[in-house]
Amino acid sequence: MIVTIANVIDFDQFLKTFSTRGVDKRREYGCKGSQVFRDPDDPNRVWIFFDWKIEDYERFLLDPEIPAIAQELALRQPPVKADPVAQYDS
């Protein structure tokens, strides 16, 4: 699992692009699914959980189409990947 945090300018625009162009591009790189959470304290901050292998995610970031898609996502700045600090069975 990969978790990223992003600040968006326009949430509706973000979701529209994330759920269309974003899905197609992520699938190309082996992403098996994602969930978007809106921060309850900041409506312009989103948490995205991806079912994705890290090596496929890193290849995705190198795709030359990503900057244009990122711009269409209406991001304030590039998303930040949250690094895991622990893992538990339950």
PDB file of N, CA and C in Angstrom:
ATOM      1  N   MET A   1       0.835  -1.174   0.000  1.00  0.00           N
ATOM      2  CA  MET A   1       0.000   0.000   0.000  1.00  0.00           C
ATOM      3  C   MET A   1       0.882   1.239   0.000  1.00  0.00           C
ATOM      4  N   ILE A   2       0.439   2.219  -0.756  1.00  0.00           N
ATOM      5  CA  ILE A   2       1.123   3.503  -0.813  1.00  0.00           C
ATOM      6  C   ILE A   2       0.118   4.575  -0.428  1.00  0.00           C
ATOM      7  N   VAL A   3       0.547   5.500   0.418  1.00  0.00           N
ATOM      8  CA  VAL A   3      -0.312   6.603   0.847  1.00  0.00           C
ATOM      9  C   VAL A   3       0.344   7.909   0.427  1.00  0.00           C
ATOM     10  N   THR A   4      -0.446   8.770  -0.218  1.00  0.00           N
ATOM     11  CA  THR A   4       0.043  10.101  -0.561  1.00  0.00           C
ATOM     12  C   THR A   4      -0.917  11.143  -0.002  1.00  0.00           C
ATOM     13  N   ILE A   5      -0.389  12.315   0.237  1.00  0.00           N
ATOM     14  CA  ILE A   5      -1.177  13.444   0.742  1.00  0.00           C
ATOM     15  C   ILE A   5      -0.993  14.578  -0.260  1.00  0.00           C
ATOM     16  N   ALA A   6      -2.108  15.176  -0.659  1.00  0.00           N
ATOM     17  CA  ALA A   6      -2.035  16.249  -1.643  1.00  0.00           C
ATOM     18  C   ALA A   6      -2.930  17.407  -1.229  1.00  0.00           C
ATOM     19  N   ASN A   7      -2.514  18.592  -1.595  1.00  0.00           N
ATOM     20  CA  ASN A   7      -3.334  19.790  -1.436  1.00  0.00           C
ATOM     21  C   ASN A   7      -3.829  20.184  -2.817  1.00  0.00           C
ATOM     22  N   VAL A   8      -5.136  20.382  -2.919  1.00  0.00           N
ATOM     23  CA  VAL A   8      -5.737  20.686  -4.211  1.00  0.00           C
ATOM     24  C   VAL A   8      -6.345  22.080  -4.217  1.00  0.00           C
ATOM     25  N   ILE A   9      -6.389  22.672  -5.382  1.00  0.00           N
ATOM     26  CA  ILE A   9      -7.006  23.985  -5.547  1.00  0.00           C
ATOM     27  C   ILE A   9      -8.514  23.834  -5.695  1.00  0.00           C
ATOM     28  N   ASP A  10      -8.922  22.812  -6.440  1.00  0.00           N
ATOM     29  CA  ASP A  10     -10.329  22.577  -6.751  1.00  0.00           C
ATOM     30  C   ASP A  10     -10.616  21.094  -6.565  1.00  0.00           C
ATOM     31  N   PHE A  11     -11.279  20.728  -5.481  1.00  0.00           N
ATOM     32  CA  PHE A  11     -11.519  19.320  -5.165  1.00  0.00           C
ATOM     33  C   PHE A  11     -12.309  18.622  -6.264  1.00  0.00           C
ATOM     34  N   ASP A  12     -13.359  19.263  -6.774  1.00  0.00           N
ATOM     35  CA  ASP A  12     -14.176  18.631  -7.811  1.00  0.00           C
ATOM     36  C   ASP A  12     -13.363  18.346  -9.067  1.00  0.00           C
ATOM     37  N   GLN A  13     -12.508  19.270  -9.457  1.00  0.00           N
ATOM     38  CA  GLN A  13     -11.638  19.060 -10.621  1.00  0.00           C
ATOM     39  C   GLN A  13     -10.657  17.922 -10.342  1.00  0.00           C
ATOM     40  N   PHE A  14     -10.100  17.912  -9.143  1.00  0.00           N
ATOM     41  CA  PHE A  14      -9.190  16.834  -8.754  1.00  0.00           C
ATOM     42  C   PHE A  14      -9.872  15.485  -8.914  1.00  0.00           C
ATOM     43  N   LEU A  15     -11.054  15.334  -8.327  1.00  0.00           N
ATOM     44  CA  LEU A  15     -11.755  14.057  -8.343  1.00  0.00           C
ATOM     45  C   LEU A  15     -12.139  13.646  -9.763  1.00  0.00           C
ATOM     46  N   LYS A  16     -12.549  14.609 -10.566  1.00  0.00           N
ATOM     47  CA  LYS A  16     -12.916  14.314 -11.955  1.00  0.00           C
ATOM     48  C   LYS A  16     -11.731  13.729 -12.716  1.00  0.00           C
ATOM     49  N   THR A  17     -10.585  14.356 -12.615  1.00  0.00           N
ATOM     50  CA  THR A  17      -9.390  13.870 -13.314  1.00  0.00           C
ATOM     51  C   THR A  17      -8.856  12.589 -12.696  1.00  0.00           C
ATOM     52  N   PHE A  18      -8.831  12.524 -11.367  1.00  0.00           N
ATOM     53  CA  PHE A  18      -8.323  11.342 -10.668  1.00  0.00           C
ATOM     54  C   PHE A  18      -9.104  10.099 -11.066  1.00  0.00           C
ATOM     55  N   SER A  19     -10.426  10.258 -11.254  1.00  0.00           N
ATOM     56  CA  SER A  19     -11.289   9.104 -11.522  1.00  0.00           C
ATOM     57  C   SER A  19     -11.417   8.785 -13.017  1.00  0.00           C
ATOM     58  N   THR A  20     -10.762   9.535 -13.881  1.00  0.00           N
ATOM     59  CA  THR A  20     -10.827   9.256 -15.318  1.00  0.00           C
ATOM     60  C   THR A  20      -9.416   9.054 -15.877  1.00  0.00           C
ATOM     61  N   ARG A  21      -8.768  10.127 -16.258  1.00  0.00           N
ATOM     62  CA  ARG A  21      -7.403  10.025 -16.818  1.00  0.00           C
ATOM     63  C   ARG A  21      -6.459   9.361 -15.838  1.00  0.00           C
ATOM     64  N   GLY A  22      -6.623   9.692 -14.560  1.00  0.00           N
ATOM     65  CA  GLY A  22      -5.746   9.115 -13.546  1.00  0.00           C
ATOM     66  C   GLY A  22      -5.881   7.607 -13.449  1.00  0.00           C
ATOM     67  N   VAL A  23      -7.117   7.101 -13.463  1.00  0.00           N
ATOM     68  CA  VAL A  23      -7.348   5.653 -13.384  1.00  0.00           C
ATOM     69  C   VAL A  23      -6.663   4.940 -14.545  1.00  0.00           C
ATOM     70  N   ASP A  24      -6.885   5.454 -15.743  1.00  0.00           N
ATOM     71  CA  ASP A  24      -6.298   4.807 -16.922  1.00  0.00           C
ATOM     72  C   ASP A  24      -4.778   4.741 -16.833  1.00  0.00           C
ATOM     73  N   LYS A  25      -4.161   5.842 -16.429  1.00  0.00           N
ATOM     74  CA  LYS A  25      -2.696   5.880 -16.348  1.00  0.00           C
ATOM     75  C   LYS A  25      -2.189   4.980 -15.224  1.00  0.00           C
ATOM     76  N   ARG A  26      -2.866   4.989 -14.064  1.00  0.00           N
ATOM     77  CA  ARG A  26      -2.421   4.129 -12.955  1.00  0.00           C
ATOM     78  C   ARG A  26      -2.523   2.656 -13.325  1.00  0.00           C
ATOM     79  N   ARG A  27      -3.578   2.280 -14.031  1.00  0.00           N
ATOM     80  CA  ARG A  27      -3.742   0.878 -14.458  1.00  0.00           C
ATOM     81  C   ARG A  27      -2.587   0.434 -15.346  1.00  0.00           C
ATOM     82  N   GLU A  28      -2.108   1.340 -16.202  1.00  0.00           N
ATOM     83  CA  GLU A  28      -0.969   1.009 -17.070  1.00  0.00           C
ATOM     84  C   GLU A  28       0.231   0.537 -16.261  1.00  0.00           C
ATOM     85  N   TYR A  29       0.327   1.018 -15.032  1.00  0.00           N
ATOM     86  CA  TYR A  29       1.482   0.712 -14.185  1.00  0.00           C
ATOM     87  C   TYR A  29       1.141  -0.226 -13.035  1.00  0.00           C
ATOM     88  N   GLY A  30       0.054  -0.974 -13.176  1.00  0.00           N
ATOM     89  CA  GLY A  30      -0.228  -2.047 -12.235  1.00  0.00           C
ATOM     90  C   GLY A  30      -0.959  -1.673 -10.956  1.00  0.00           C
ATOM     91  N   CYS A  31      -1.476  -0.464 -10.858  1.00  0.00           N
ATOM     92  CA  CYS A  31      -2.239  -0.089  -9.665  1.00  0.00           C
ATOM     93  C   CYS A  31      -3.528  -0.904  -9.643  1.00  0.00           C
ATOM     94  N   LYS A  32      -3.824  -1.526  -8.512  1.00  0.00           N
ATOM     95  CA  LYS A  32      -4.993  -2.392  -8.388  1.00  0.00           C
ATOM     96  C   LYS A  32      -6.200  -1.671  -7.807  1.00  0.00           C
ATOM     97  N   GLY A  33      -6.041  -0.440  -7.362  1.00  0.00           N
ATOM     98  CA  GLY A  33      -7.163   0.319  -6.819  1.00  0.00           C
ATOM     99  C   GLY A  33      -6.664   1.457  -5.950  1.00  0.00           C
ATOM    100  N   SER A  34      -7.598   2.333  -5.597  1.00  0.00           N
ATOM    101  CA  SER A  34      -7.248   3.461  -4.746  1.00  0.00           C
ATOM    102  C   SER A  34      -8.482   3.929  -3.988  1.00  0.00           C
ATOM    103  N   GLN A  35      -8.233   4.626  -2.905  1.00  0.00           N
ATOM    104  CA  GLN A  35      -9.284   5.258  -2.123  1.00  0.00           C
ATOM    105  C   GLN A  35      -8.842   6.683  -1.825  1.00  0.00           C
ATOM    106  N   VAL A  36      -9.773   7.616  -1.961  1.00  0.00           N
ATOM    107  CA  VAL A  36      -9.499   9.023  -1.689  1.00  0.00           C
ATOM    108  C   VAL A  36     -10.264   9.417  -0.434  1.00  0.00           C
ATOM    109  N   PHE A  37      -9.562  10.041   0.497  1.00  0.00           N
ATOM    110  CA  PHE A  37     -10.172  10.553   1.725  1.00  0.00           C
ATOM    111  C   PHE A  37      -9.954  12.056   1.763  1.00  0.00           C
ATOM    112  N   ARG A  38     -10.986  12.767   2.130  1.00  0.00           N
ATOM    113  CA  ARG A  38     -10.878  14.223   2.273  1.00  0.00           C
ATOM    114  C   ARG A  38     -10.609  14.536   3.733  1.00  0.00           C
ATOM    115  N   ASP A  39      -9.599  15.320   3.984  1.00  0.00           N
ATOM    116  CA  ASP A  39      -9.220  15.677   5.351  1.00  0.00           C
ATOM    117  C   ASP A  39     -10.366  16.449   6.006  1.00  0.00           C
ATOM    118  N   PRO A  40     -10.839  16.011   7.176  1.00  0.00           N
ATOM    119  CA  PRO A  40     -11.954  16.703   7.824  1.00  0.00           C
ATOM    120  C   PRO A  40     -11.602  18.101   8.321  1.00  0.00           C
ATOM    121  N   ASP A  41     -10.323  18.380   8.495  1.00  0.00           N
ATOM    122  CA  ASP A  41      -9.892  19.696   8.978  1.00  0.00           C
ATOM    123  C   ASP A  41      -9.504  20.657   7.860  1.00  0.00           C
ATOM    124  N   ASP A  42      -9.344  20.136   6.641  1.00  0.00           N
ATOM    125  CA  ASP A  42      -8.948  20.973   5.509  1.00  0.00           C
ATOM    126  C   ASP A  42      -9.553  20.379   4.241  1.00  0.00           C
ATOM    127  N   PRO A  43     -10.616  20.965   3.721  1.00  0.00           N
ATOM    128  CA  PRO A  43     -11.296  20.390   2.551  1.00  0.00           C
ATOM    129  C   PRO A  43     -10.449  20.379   1.281  1.00  0.00           C
ATOM    130  N   ASN A  44      -9.310  21.066   1.291  1.00  0.00           N
ATOM    131  CA  ASN A  44      -8.426  21.056   0.125  1.00  0.00           C
ATOM    132  C   ASN A  44      -7.281  20.049   0.253  1.00  0.00           C
ATOM    133  N   ARG A  45      -7.280  19.294   1.340  1.00  0.00           N
ATOM    134  CA  ARG A  45      -6.253  18.262   1.513  1.00  0.00           C
ATOM    135  C   ARG A  45      -6.898  16.895   1.350  1.00  0.00           C
ATOM    136  N   VAL A  46      -6.265  16.056   0.538  1.00  0.00           N
ATOM    137  CA  VAL A  46      -6.769  14.700   0.325  1.00  0.00           C
ATOM    138  C   VAL A  46      -5.682  13.686   0.656  1.00  0.00           C
ATOM    139  N   TRP A  47      -6.129  12.566   1.163  1.00  0.00           N
ATOM    140  CA  TRP A  47      -5.268  11.428   1.461  1.00  0.00           C
ATOM    141  C   TRP A  47      -5.663  10.348   0.460  1.00  0.00           C
ATOM    142  N   ILE A  48      -4.689   9.800  -0.248  1.00  0.00           N
ATOM    143  CA  ILE A  48      -4.981   8.791  -1.256  1.00  0.00           C
ATOM    144  C   ILE A  48      -4.220   7.512  -0.900  1.00  0.00           C
ATOM    145  N   PHE A  49      -4.968   6.425  -0.797  1.00  0.00           N
ATOM    146  CA  PHE A  49      -4.412   5.111  -0.491  1.00  0.00           C
ATOM    147  C   PHE A  49      -4.441   4.284  -1.771  1.00  0.00           C
ATOM    148  N   PHE A  50      -3.280   3.804  -2.186  1.00  0.00           N
ATOM    149  CA  PHE A  50      -3.159   3.027  -3.412  1.00  0.00           C
ATOM    150  C   PHE A  50      -2.792   1.586  -3.096  1.00  0.00           C
ATOM    151  N   ASP A  51      -3.421   0.654  -3.789  1.00  0.00           N
ATOM    152  CA  ASP A  51      -3.023  -0.751  -3.760  1.00  0.00           C
ATOM    153  C   ASP A  51      -2.050  -0.916  -4.926  1.00  0.00           C
ATOM    154  N   TRP A  52      -0.749  -0.757  -4.614  1.00  0.00           N
ATOM    155  CA  TRP A  52       0.246  -0.624  -5.664  1.00  0.00           C
ATOM    156  C   TRP A  52       1.601  -1.071  -5.140  1.00  0.00           C
ATOM    157  N   LYS A  53       2.356  -1.746  -5.957  1.00  0.00           N
ATOM    158  CA  LYS A  53       3.738  -2.080  -5.611  1.00  0.00           C
ATOM    159  C   LYS A  53       4.588  -0.833  -5.786  1.00  0.00           C
ATOM    160  N   ILE A  54       5.513  -0.629  -4.871  1.00  0.00           N
ATOM    161  CA  ILE A  54       6.324   0.583  -4.875  1.00  0.00           C
ATOM    162  C   ILE A  54       7.117   0.740  -6.176  1.00  0.00           C
ATOM    163  N   GLU A  55       7.626  -0.358  -6.715  1.00  0.00           N
ATOM    164  CA  GLU A  55       8.421  -0.255  -7.948  1.00  0.00           C
ATOM    165  C   GLU A  55       7.549   0.178  -9.136  1.00  0.00           C
ATOM    166  N   ASP A  56       6.303  -0.260  -9.167  1.00  0.00           N
ATOM    167  CA  ASP A  56       5.397   0.164 -10.235  1.00  0.00           C
ATOM    168  C   ASP A  56       5.009   1.632 -10.059  1.00  0.00           C
ATOM    169  N   TYR A  57       4.804   2.046  -8.815  1.00  0.00           N
ATOM    170  CA  TYR A  57       4.502   3.451  -8.514  1.00  0.00           C
ATOM    171  C   TYR A  57       5.666   4.348  -8.957  1.00  0.00           C
ATOM    172  N   GLU A  58       6.874   3.931  -8.689  1.00  0.00           N
ATOM    173  CA  GLU A  58       8.044   4.732  -9.067  1.00  0.00           C
ATOM    174  C   GLU A  58       8.184   4.830 -10.586  1.00  0.00           C
ATOM    175  N   ARG A  59       7.865   3.752 -11.307  1.00  0.00           N
ATOM    176  CA  ARG A  59       7.882   3.801 -12.781  1.00  0.00           C
ATOM    177  C   ARG A  59       6.797   4.744 -13.292  1.00  0.00           C
ATOM    178  N   PHE A  60       5.633   4.712 -12.655  1.00  0.00           N
ATOM    179  CA  PHE A  60       4.515   5.597 -12.998  1.00  0.00           C
ATOM    180  C   PHE A  60       4.942   7.065 -12.912  1.00  0.00           C
ATOM    181  N   LEU A  61       5.651   7.413 -11.850  1.00  0.00           N
ATOM    182  CA  LEU A  61       6.077   8.802 -11.662  1.00  0.00           C
ATOM    183  C   LEU A  61       7.000   9.294 -12.771  1.00  0.00           C
ATOM    184  N   LEU A  62       7.684   8.391 -13.445  1.00  0.00           N
ATOM    185  CA  LEU A  62       8.604   8.749 -14.523  1.00  0.00           C
ATOM    186  C   LEU A  62       7.916   8.879 -15.883  1.00  0.00           C
ATOM    187  N   ASP A  63       6.654   8.517 -15.961  1.00  0.00           N
ATOM    188  CA  ASP A  63       5.927   8.593 -17.228  1.00  0.00           C
ATOM    189  C   ASP A  63       5.871  10.045 -17.698  1.00  0.00           C
ATOM    190  N   PRO A  64       6.184  10.320 -18.952  1.00  0.00           N
ATOM    191  CA  PRO A  64       6.202  11.706 -19.435  1.00  0.00           C
ATOM    192  C   PRO A  64       4.830  12.388 -19.457  1.00  0.00           C
ATOM    193  N   GLU A  65       3.751  11.631 -19.358  1.00  0.00           N
ATOM    194  CA  GLU A  65       2.410  12.223 -19.343  1.00  0.00           C
ATOM    195  C   GLU A  65       1.987  12.699 -17.949  1.00  0.00           C
ATOM    196  N   ILE A  66       2.712  12.303 -16.919  1.00  0.00           N
ATOM    197  CA  ILE A  66       2.315  12.620 -15.550  1.00  0.00           C
ATOM    198  C   ILE A  66       2.272  14.126 -15.257  1.00  0.00           C
ATOM    199  N   PRO A  67       3.225  14.932 -15.694  1.00  0.00           N
ATOM    200  CA  PRO A  67       3.115  16.371 -15.402  1.00  0.00           C
ATOM    201  C   PRO A  67       1.821  17.008 -15.921  1.00  0.00           C
ATOM    202  N   ALA A  68       1.384  16.628 -17.115  1.00  0.00           N
ATOM    203  CA  ALA A  68       0.139  17.188 -17.659  1.00  0.00           C
ATOM    204  C   ALA A  68      -1.063  16.718 -16.859  1.00  0.00           C
ATOM    205  N   ILE A  69      -1.070  15.457 -16.471  1.00  0.00           N
ATOM    206  CA  ILE A  69      -2.172  14.937 -15.655  1.00  0.00           C
ATOM    207  C   ILE A  69      -2.163  15.614 -14.291  1.00  0.00           C
ATOM    208  N   ALA A  70      -0.995  15.799 -13.712  1.00  0.00           N
ATOM    209  CA  ALA A  70      -0.891  16.461 -12.408  1.00  0.00           C
ATOM    210  C   ALA A  70      -1.435  17.879 -12.483  1.00  0.00           C
ATOM    211  N   GLN A  71      -1.161  18.573 -13.569  1.00  0.00           N
ATOM    212  CA  GLN A  71      -1.681  19.928 -13.732  1.00  0.00           C
ATOM    213  C   GLN A  71      -3.204  19.906 -13.820  1.00  0.00           C
ATOM    214  N   GLU A  72      -3.736  18.936 -14.526  1.00  0.00           N
ATOM    215  CA  GLU A  72      -5.191  18.802 -14.654  1.00  0.00           C
ATOM    216  C   GLU A  72      -5.841  18.432 -13.316  1.00  0.00           C
ATOM    217  N   LEU A  73      -5.077  17.813 -12.420  1.00  0.00           N
ATOM    218  CA  LEU A  73      -5.593  17.448 -11.094  1.00  0.00           C
ATOM    219  C   LEU A  73      -5.815  18.665 -10.196  1.00  0.00           C
ATOM    220  N   ALA A  74      -5.342  19.811 -10.606  1.00  0.00           N
ATOM    221  CA  ALA A  74      -5.489  21.050  -9.821  1.00  0.00           C
ATOM    222  C   ALA A  74      -4.788  20.946  -8.468  1.00  0.00           C
ATOM    223  N   LEU A  75      -3.542  20.463  -8.503  1.00  0.00           N
ATOM    224  CA  LEU A  75      -2.742  20.338  -7.280  1.00  0.00           C
ATOM    225  C   LEU A  75      -2.047  21.650  -6.959  1.00  0.00           C
ATOM    226  N   ARG A  76      -1.957  21.972  -5.683  1.00  0.00           N
ATOM    227  CA  ARG A  76      -1.197  23.161  -5.263  1.00  0.00           C
ATOM    228  C   ARG A  76       0.307  22.911  -5.391  1.00  0.00           C
ATOM    229  N   GLN A  77       0.716  21.689  -5.089  1.00  0.00           N
ATOM    230  CA  GLN A  77       2.103  21.253  -5.207  1.00  0.00           C
ATOM    231  C   GLN A  77       2.086  19.738  -5.375  1.00  0.00           C
ATOM    232  N   PRO A  78       3.201  19.132  -5.720  1.00  0.00           N
ATOM    233  CA  PRO A  78       3.213  17.676  -5.892  1.00  0.00           C
ATOM    234  C   PRO A  78       2.797  16.955  -4.611  1.00  0.00           C
ATOM    235  N   PRO A  79       2.115  15.822  -4.756  1.00  0.00           N
ATOM    236  CA  PRO A  79       1.739  15.040  -3.575  1.00  0.00           C
ATOM    237  C   PRO A  79       2.975  14.562  -2.815  1.00  0.00           C
ATOM    238  N   VAL A  80       2.791  14.316  -1.548  1.00  0.00           N
ATOM    239  CA  VAL A  80       3.852  13.804  -0.692  1.00  0.00           C
ATOM    240  C   VAL A  80       3.508  12.366  -0.324  1.00  0.00           C
ATOM    241  N   LYS A  81       4.466  11.472  -0.505  1.00  0.00           N
ATOM    242  CA  LYS A  81       4.269  10.073  -0.122  1.00  0.00           C
ATOM    243  C   LYS A  81       4.532   9.939   1.367  1.00  0.00           C
ATOM    244  N   ALA A  82       3.570   9.328   2.066  1.00  0.00           N
ATOM    245  CA  ALA A  82       3.737   9.069   3.504  1.00  0.00           C
ATOM    246  C   ALA A  82       4.436   7.721   3.663  1.00  0.00           C
ATOM    247  N   ASP A  83       5.513   7.700   4.405  1.00  0.00           N
ATOM    248  CA  ASP A  83       6.250   6.454   4.620  1.00  0.00           C
ATOM    249  C   ASP A  83       5.686   5.695   5.801  1.00  0.00           C
ATOM    250  N   PRO A  84       5.507   4.382   5.656  1.00  0.00           N
ATOM    251  CA  PRO A  84       4.983   3.571   6.766  1.00  0.00           C
ATOM    252  C   PRO A  84       5.998   3.517   7.917  1.00  0.00           C
ATOM    253  N   VAL A  85       5.477   3.469   9.126  1.00  0.00           N
ATOM    254  CA  VAL A  85       6.345   3.364  10.291  1.00  0.00           C
ATOM    255  C   VAL A  85       6.145   2.062  11.046  1.00  0.00           C
ATOM    256  N   ALA A  86       5.039   1.352  10.768  1.00  0.00           N
ATOM    257  CA  ALA A  86       4.789   0.063  11.417  1.00  0.00           C
ATOM    258  C   ALA A  86       3.717  -0.693  10.629  1.00  0.00           C
ATOM    259  N   GLN A  87       3.702  -2.019  10.801  1.00  0.00           N
ATOM    260  CA  GLN A  87       2.677  -2.849  10.156  1.00  0.00           C
ATOM    261  C   GLN A  87       2.231  -3.911  11.134  1.00  0.00           C
ATOM    262  N   TYR A  88       0.923  -4.155  11.199  1.00  0.00           N
ATOM    263  CA  TYR A  88       0.347  -5.112  12.128  1.00  0.00           C
ATOM    264  C   TYR A  88      -0.623  -6.018  11.389  1.00  0.00           C
ATOM    265  N   ASP A  89      -0.827  -7.227  11.887  1.00  0.00           N
ATOM    266  CA  ASP A  89      -1.755  -8.172  11.260  1.00  0.00           C
ATOM    267  C   ASP A  89      -3.211  -7.786  11.502  1.00  0.00           C
ATOM    268  N   SER A  90      -3.490  -7.076  12.571  1.00  0.00           N
ATOM    269  CA  SER A  90      -4.876  -6.663  12.835  1.00  0.00           C
ATOM    270  C   SER A  90      -4.903  -5.376  13.608  1.00  0.00           C
TER     271      SER A  90
END
